[in-house]
Amino acid sequence: MPSANDLPRTGQTSASHDVEAQIKQLREDIAALTRSVAALGNEKAGEVRGTARRAAADAADASKNMVETVQKQALSWERDLERQIRTKPLQSIGIAASVGFLFALMTRR
């Protein structure tokens, strides 16, 4: 087998061209790999953004439903209280006066 010293001068330039070609190919492969990784990262980021948007929309819907439920419950309590006051006005006045008196005692201290 011939050694590197036995190769003619043209063989040495051919070898250096081969190395340069391999380095060039390696750079192209690394660039392609970099583009692939970047595309994959962008795709995953898009998926995460979509998931976050869906979660935020679901949370907003749940909050809206909860607010509506609380409003309906408050209106129901208001109607019940109003009905109670209409059916028993003297008892309602006594309760209101007692609560007011207790509140005044507590805030005075």
Protein backbone atom coordinates (compact mmCIF):
# COMPACT_ATOMS: atom_id res chain seq x y z
CA MET A 1 0.00 0.00 0.00
CA PRO A 2 1.48 3.36 -0.94
CA SER A 3 2.10 5.89 1.79
CA ALA A 4 1.06 9.53 1.67
CA ASN A 5 4.63 10.43 0.71
CA ASP A 6 4.50 8.06 -2.27
CA LEU A 7 1.45 9.83 -3.79
CA PRO A 8 2.13 12.14 -6.68
CA ARG A 9 1.56 15.81 -6.19
CA THR A 10 -1.74 15.69 -8.08
CA GLY A 11 -2.96 13.02 -5.64
CA GLN A 12 -2.32 15.33 -2.73
CA THR A 13 -4.38 18.10 -4.28
CA SER A 14 -7.07 15.58 -5.09
CA ALA A 15 -7.10 14.50 -1.44
CA SER A 16 -7.30 18.10 -0.27
CA HIS A 17 -10.17 18.68 -2.70
CA ASP A 18 -11.90 15.60 -1.30
CA VAL A 19 -11.48 16.92 2.25
CA GLU A 20 -12.74 20.34 1.20
CA ALA A 21 -15.74 18.72 -0.51
CA GLN A 22 -16.46 16.66 2.61
CA ILE A 23 -16.21 19.78 4.80
CA LYS A 24 -18.53 21.64 2.43
CA GLN A 25 -21.00 18.73 2.54
CA LEU A 26 -20.73 18.63 6.32
CA ARG A 27 -21.51 22.37 6.53
CA GLU A 28 -24.54 21.89 4.26
CA ASP A 29 -25.72 18.97 6.39
CA ILE A 30 -25.32 21.03 9.58
CA ALA A 31 -27.23 23.93 7.99
CA ALA A 32 -30.04 21.57 6.94
CA LEU A 33 -30.12 20.06 10.41
CA THR A 34 -30.27 23.54 11.93
CA ARG A 35 -33.23 24.44 9.69
CA SER A 36 -34.98 21.20 10.62
CA VAL A 37 -34.50 21.79 14.35
CA ALA A 38 -35.71 25.39 14.00
CA ALA A 39 -38.79 24.27 12.08
CA LEU A 40 -39.53 21.63 14.69
CA GLY A 41 -39.11 24.21 17.47
CA ASN A 42 -41.47 26.61 15.70
CA GLU A 43 -44.01 23.84 15.21
CA LYS A 44 -43.88 22.87 18.89
CA ALA A 45 -44.11 26.52 19.92
CA GLY A 46 -47.22 26.87 17.74
CA GLU A 47 -48.76 23.82 19.37
CA VAL A 48 -48.04 25.19 22.84
CA ARG A 49 -49.49 28.58 21.86
CA GLY A 50 -52.63 26.88 20.57
CA THR A 51 -52.99 24.84 23.74
CA ALA A 52 -52.53 27.97 25.87
CA ARG A 53 -55.14 29.86 23.83
CA ARG A 54 -57.64 27.02 24.22
CA ALA A 55 -57.00 26.85 27.96
CA ALA A 56 -57.44 30.62 28.28
CA ALA A 57 -60.69 30.50 26.29
CA ASP A 58 -61.96 27.63 28.45
CA ALA A 59 -61.07 29.55 31.62
CA ALA A 60 -62.82 32.67 30.32
CA ASP A 61 -65.93 30.64 29.48
CA ALA A 62 -65.91 29.00 32.91
CA SER A 63 -65.53 32.41 34.59
CA LYS A 64 -68.37 33.83 32.55
CA ASN A 65 -70.60 30.90 33.45
CA MET A 66 -69.69 31.27 37.12
CA VAL A 67 -70.51 34.99 37.10
CA GLU A 68 -73.86 34.30 35.44
CA THR A 69 -74.64 31.62 38.04
CA VAL A 70 -73.76 33.96 40.91
CA GLN A 71 -75.90 36.73 39.39
CA LYS A 72 -78.87 34.38 39.06
CA GLN A 73 -78.41 33.21 42.66
CA ALA A 74 -78.23 36.82 43.92
CA LEU A 75 -81.41 37.70 42.04
CA SER A 76 -83.10 34.64 43.50
CA TRP A 77 -82.09 35.65 47.03
CA GLU A 78 -83.31 39.18 46.36
CA ARG A 79 -86.71 37.90 45.21
CA ASP A 80 -86.95 35.56 48.22
CA LEU A 81 -86.10 38.40 50.61
CA GLU A 82 -88.58 40.72 48.93
CA ARG A 83 -91.30 38.04 49.16
CA GLN A 84 -90.48 37.46 52.85
CA ILE A 85 -90.66 41.21 53.57
CA ARG A 86 -94.04 41.47 51.81
CA THR A 87 -95.52 38.51 53.67
CA LYS A 88 -94.16 39.48 57.14
CA PRO A 89 -93.47 43.23 57.17
CA LEU A 90 -93.43 43.74 60.97
CA GLN A 91 -91.03 40.84 61.52
CA SER A 92 -88.80 42.24 58.75
CA ILE A 93 -88.73 45.69 60.34
CA GLY A 94 -87.82 44.17 63.71
CA ILE A 95 -85.01 42.10 62.19
CA ALA A 96 -83.66 45.11 60.26
CA ALA A 97 -83.74 47.29 63.39
CA SER A 98 -81.96 44.60 65.44
CA VAL A 99 -79.26 44.14 62.82
CA GLY A 100 -78.79 47.92 62.58
CA PHE A 101 -78.55 48.21 66.38
CA LEU A 102 -75.96 45.40 66.58
CA PHE A 103 -73.96 46.93 63.74
CA ALA A 104 -73.98 50.32 65.49
CA LEU A 105 -72.75 48.69 68.73
CA MET A 106 -69.93 46.89 66.97
CA THR A 107 -68.71 49.92 65.02
CA ARG A 108 -68.82 52.21 68.04
CA ARG A 109 -65.96 50.36 69.76
